[in-house]
Amino acid sequence: MRTSTHILAALVLLSASGIALAHNCPNEMKAIDAKLATKPALSPEDSAKVTKLRADGEAQHKAGNHDASMKSLGDAKKILGI
């Protein structure tokens, strides 16, 4: 009985962490927006790439594709150095 309680608790926590990560996209977008507001020194190519990745990440988030969104937003953050 005790083992099944532990397993159930672990499954609940695992599910909750997945939900939390899936909805972290808006926080990633806010971090990118905040960094862009500081006018970082980027080449025109990098600036265009960050803008596109940020827009792609938002579109993917709205479409419910959170894994792709987090990848796009993560790539933008790497370029920005955050």
N, C-alpha and C. Protein backbone atom coordinates (compact mmCIF):
# COMPACT_ATOMS: atom_id res chain seq x y z
N MET A 1 0.83 -1.19 0.00
CA MET A 1 0.00 0.00 0.00
C MET A 1 0.88 1.26 0.00
N ARG A 2 1.92 1.23 0.81
CA ARG A 2 2.79 2.39 0.92
C ARG A 2 3.54 2.65 -0.38
N THR A 3 3.96 1.60 -1.06
CA THR A 3 4.68 1.73 -2.32
C THR A 3 3.78 2.36 -3.37
N SER A 4 2.54 1.95 -3.43
CA SER A 4 1.63 2.52 -4.43
C SER A 4 1.38 4.00 -4.15
N THR A 5 1.39 4.40 -2.92
CA THR A 5 1.24 5.81 -2.58
C THR A 5 2.43 6.61 -3.07
N HIS A 6 3.63 6.06 -2.90
CA HIS A 6 4.84 6.73 -3.38
C HIS A 6 4.85 6.84 -4.90
N ILE A 7 4.42 5.77 -5.55
CA ILE A 7 4.37 5.79 -7.02
C ILE A 7 3.36 6.82 -7.50
N LEU A 8 2.22 6.86 -6.88
CA LEU A 8 1.19 7.83 -7.24
C LEU A 8 1.70 9.26 -7.02
N ALA A 9 2.36 9.50 -5.92
CA ALA A 9 2.90 10.83 -5.64
C ALA A 9 3.95 11.22 -6.68
N ALA A 10 4.80 10.27 -7.05
CA ALA A 10 5.82 10.54 -8.07
C ALA A 10 5.18 10.87 -9.41
N LEU A 11 4.14 10.16 -9.79
CA LEU A 11 3.45 10.43 -11.05
C LEU A 11 2.78 11.80 -11.04
N VAL A 12 2.19 12.17 -9.94
CA VAL A 12 1.56 13.49 -9.83
C VAL A 12 2.60 14.59 -9.98
N LEU A 13 3.74 14.44 -9.30
CA LEU A 13 4.80 15.45 -9.40
C LEU A 13 5.38 15.51 -10.80
N LEU A 14 5.55 14.38 -11.43
CA LEU A 14 6.07 14.35 -12.79
C LEU A 14 5.12 15.04 -13.75
N SER A 15 3.84 14.80 -13.61
CA SER A 15 2.85 15.46 -14.46
C SER A 15 2.84 16.96 -14.23
N ALA A 16 2.92 17.36 -12.98
CA ALA A 16 2.91 18.79 -12.66
C ALA A 16 4.13 19.49 -13.23
N SER A 17 5.27 18.83 -13.21
CA SER A 17 6.48 19.46 -13.75
C SER A 17 6.38 19.61 -15.26
N GLY A 18 5.77 18.66 -15.93
CA GLY A 18 5.57 18.77 -17.38
C GLY A 18 4.66 19.91 -17.74
N ILE A 19 3.61 20.10 -16.97
CA ILE A 19 2.69 21.21 -17.20
C ILE A 19 3.39 22.54 -16.95
N ALA A 20 4.18 22.59 -15.91
CA ALA A 20 4.88 23.84 -15.59
C ALA A 20 5.85 24.21 -16.71
N LEU A 21 6.56 23.25 -17.24
CA LEU A 21 7.50 23.53 -18.32
C LEU A 21 6.79 23.93 -19.60
N ALA A 22 5.65 23.34 -19.85
CA ALA A 22 4.91 23.65 -21.07
C ALA A 22 4.42 25.08 -21.07
N HIS A 23 4.21 25.63 -19.93
CA HIS A 23 3.70 26.99 -19.85
C HIS A 23 4.78 27.99 -19.47
N ASN A 24 6.04 27.61 -19.64
CA ASN A 24 7.14 28.52 -19.36
C ASN A 24 7.48 29.38 -20.58
N CYS A 25 6.87 29.08 -21.71
CA CYS A 25 7.14 29.83 -22.94
C CYS A 25 6.96 31.34 -22.74
N PRO A 26 5.87 31.78 -22.10
CA PRO A 26 5.71 33.23 -21.92
C PRO A 26 6.85 33.86 -21.10
N ASN A 27 7.37 33.14 -20.13
CA ASN A 27 8.50 33.67 -19.35
C ASN A 27 9.75 33.79 -20.22
N GLU A 28 9.94 32.83 -21.11
CA GLU A 28 11.09 32.89 -22.02
C GLU A 28 10.93 34.09 -22.97
N MET A 29 9.72 34.30 -23.46
CA MET A 29 9.48 35.44 -24.35
C MET A 29 9.72 36.76 -23.62
N LYS A 30 9.31 36.83 -22.37
CA LYS A 30 9.53 38.05 -21.58
C LYS A 30 11.02 38.31 -21.39
N ALA A 31 11.80 37.25 -21.16
CA ALA A 31 13.24 37.41 -20.98
C ALA A 31 13.89 37.92 -22.27
N ILE A 32 13.44 37.39 -23.40
CA ILE A 32 13.97 37.84 -24.69
C ILE A 32 13.59 39.30 -24.92
N ASP A 33 12.33 39.63 -24.66
CA ASP A 33 11.87 41.01 -24.86
C ASP A 33 12.65 41.99 -23.96
N ALA A 34 12.90 41.57 -22.73
CA ALA A 34 13.64 42.43 -21.80
C ALA A 34 15.06 42.68 -22.30
N LYS A 35 15.68 41.64 -22.80
CA LYS A 35 17.05 41.78 -23.32
C LYS A 35 17.05 42.66 -24.57
N LEU A 36 16.07 42.47 -25.46
CA LEU A 36 15.99 43.29 -26.67
C LEU A 36 15.74 44.76 -26.33
N ALA A 37 15.04 45.02 -25.24
CA ALA A 37 14.76 46.39 -24.82
C ALA A 37 16.04 47.13 -24.42
N THR A 38 17.09 46.39 -24.07
CA THR A 38 18.37 47.02 -23.69
C THR A 38 19.21 47.36 -24.91
N LYS A 39 18.69 47.07 -26.10
CA LYS A 39 19.39 47.35 -27.37
C LYS A 39 20.77 46.68 -27.39
N PRO A 40 20.80 45.34 -27.31
CA PRO A 40 22.10 44.65 -27.30
C PRO A 40 22.82 44.84 -28.64
N ALA A 41 24.13 44.80 -28.59
CA ALA A 41 24.95 44.96 -29.79
C ALA A 41 24.93 43.65 -30.58
N LEU A 42 24.07 43.60 -31.57
CA LEU A 42 23.94 42.42 -32.43
C LEU A 42 24.18 42.82 -33.87
N SER A 43 24.71 41.89 -34.64
CA SER A 43 24.82 42.14 -36.07
C SER A 43 23.41 42.17 -36.65
N PRO A 44 23.23 42.80 -37.80
CA PRO A 44 21.89 42.81 -38.41
C PRO A 44 21.35 41.40 -38.66
N GLU A 45 22.24 40.47 -39.00
CA GLU A 45 21.82 39.08 -39.23
C GLU A 45 21.31 38.44 -37.94
N ASP A 46 22.08 38.63 -36.86
CA ASP A 46 21.67 38.06 -35.57
C ASP A 46 20.39 38.71 -35.06
N SER A 47 20.27 40.00 -35.26
CA SER A 47 19.06 40.70 -34.83
C SER A 47 17.83 40.15 -35.56
N ALA A 48 17.96 39.95 -36.86
CA ALA A 48 16.86 39.40 -37.65
C ALA A 48 16.55 37.97 -37.22
N LYS A 49 17.60 37.19 -36.93
CA LYS A 49 17.40 35.81 -36.51
C LYS A 49 16.68 35.74 -35.17
N VAL A 50 17.09 36.59 -34.23
CA VAL A 50 16.44 36.62 -32.90
C VAL A 50 14.98 37.01 -33.05
N THR A 51 14.70 38.02 -33.86
CA THR A 51 13.33 38.46 -34.06
C THR A 51 12.48 37.34 -34.65
N LYS A 52 13.03 36.62 -35.63
CA LYS A 52 12.29 35.51 -36.25
C LYS A 52 12.09 34.38 -35.25
N LEU A 53 13.13 34.01 -34.52
CA LEU A 53 13.00 32.93 -33.54
C LEU A 53 11.99 33.28 -32.46
N ARG A 54 11.98 34.53 -32.03
CA ARG A 54 11.02 34.98 -31.01
C ARG A 54 9.60 34.87 -31.54
N ALA A 55 9.38 35.31 -32.78
CA ALA A 55 8.05 35.24 -33.40
C ALA A 55 7.63 33.78 -33.61
N ASP A 56 8.58 32.95 -34.07
CA ASP A 56 8.28 31.53 -34.26
C ASP A 56 7.90 30.88 -32.93
N GLY A 57 8.66 31.21 -31.88
CA GLY A 57 8.38 30.64 -30.56
C GLY A 57 7.00 31.01 -30.06
N GLU A 58 6.60 32.24 -30.28
CA GLU A 58 5.27 32.66 -29.84
C GLU A 58 4.18 31.94 -30.64
N ALA A 59 4.37 31.83 -31.95
CA ALA A 59 3.39 31.14 -32.80
C ALA A 59 3.29 29.67 -32.40
N GLN A 60 4.42 29.04 -32.15
CA GLN A 60 4.42 27.63 -31.74
C GLN A 60 3.74 27.46 -30.40
N HIS A 61 3.97 28.39 -29.48
CA HIS A 61 3.32 28.33 -28.17
C HIS A 61 1.81 28.42 -28.33
N LYS A 62 1.35 29.37 -29.14
CA LYS A 62 -0.09 29.55 -29.34
C LYS A 62 -0.72 28.34 -30.00
N ALA A 63 0.06 27.62 -30.83
CA ALA A 63 -0.43 26.43 -31.50
C ALA A 63 -0.37 25.20 -30.59
N GLY A 64 0.19 25.36 -29.39
CA GLY A 64 0.27 24.26 -28.44
C GLY A 64 1.50 23.38 -28.61
N ASN A 65 2.43 23.80 -29.45
CA ASN A 65 3.65 23.03 -29.68
C ASN A 65 4.75 23.60 -28.79
N HIS A 66 4.68 23.27 -27.52
CA HIS A 66 5.55 23.88 -26.53
C HIS A 66 7.01 23.43 -26.65
N ASP A 67 7.23 22.19 -27.08
CA ASP A 67 8.62 21.74 -27.25
C ASP A 67 9.33 22.54 -28.33
N ALA A 68 8.67 22.73 -29.47
CA ALA A 68 9.26 23.52 -30.55
C ALA A 68 9.41 24.97 -30.12
N SER A 69 8.44 25.47 -29.38
CA SER A 69 8.50 26.85 -28.90
C SER A 69 9.70 27.05 -27.99
N MET A 70 9.90 26.15 -27.06
CA MET A 70 11.02 26.27 -26.13
C MET A 70 12.35 26.16 -26.88
N LYS A 71 12.41 25.36 -27.94
CA LYS A 71 13.64 25.26 -28.73
C LYS A 71 13.91 26.58 -29.46
N SER A 72 12.90 27.13 -30.11
CA SER A 72 13.07 28.40 -30.83
C SER A 72 13.48 29.50 -29.87
N LEU A 73 12.79 29.59 -28.74
CA LEU A 73 13.09 30.63 -27.78
C LEU A 73 14.47 30.42 -27.15
N GLY A 74 14.85 29.17 -26.93
CA GLY A 74 16.17 28.87 -26.40
C GLY A 74 17.27 29.27 -27.37
N ASP A 75 17.03 29.04 -28.66
CA ASP A 75 18.01 29.44 -29.67
C ASP A 75 18.17 30.96 -29.70
N ALA A 76 17.04 31.68 -29.56
CA ALA A 76 17.09 33.14 -29.52
C ALA A 76 17.87 33.62 -28.30
N LYS A 77 17.65 32.96 -27.15
CA LYS A 77 18.35 33.34 -25.93
C LYS A 77 19.85 33.09 -26.05
N LYS A 78 20.24 32.02 -26.74
CA LYS A 78 21.67 31.75 -26.93
C LYS A 78 22.33 32.87 -27.72
N ILE A 79 21.66 33.31 -28.77
CA ILE A 79 22.21 34.41 -29.58
C ILE A 79 22.34 35.67 -28.73
N LEU A 80 21.36 35.90 -27.87
CA LEU A 80 21.36 37.09 -27.01
C LEU A 80 22.32 36.95 -25.82
N GLY A 81 22.79 35.75 -25.57
CA GLY A 81 23.70 35.53 -24.44
C GLY A 81 22.99 35.48 -23.11
N ILE A 82 21.75 35.01 -23.10
CA ILE A 82 21.02 34.86 -21.83
C ILE A 82 20.59 33.42 -21.65
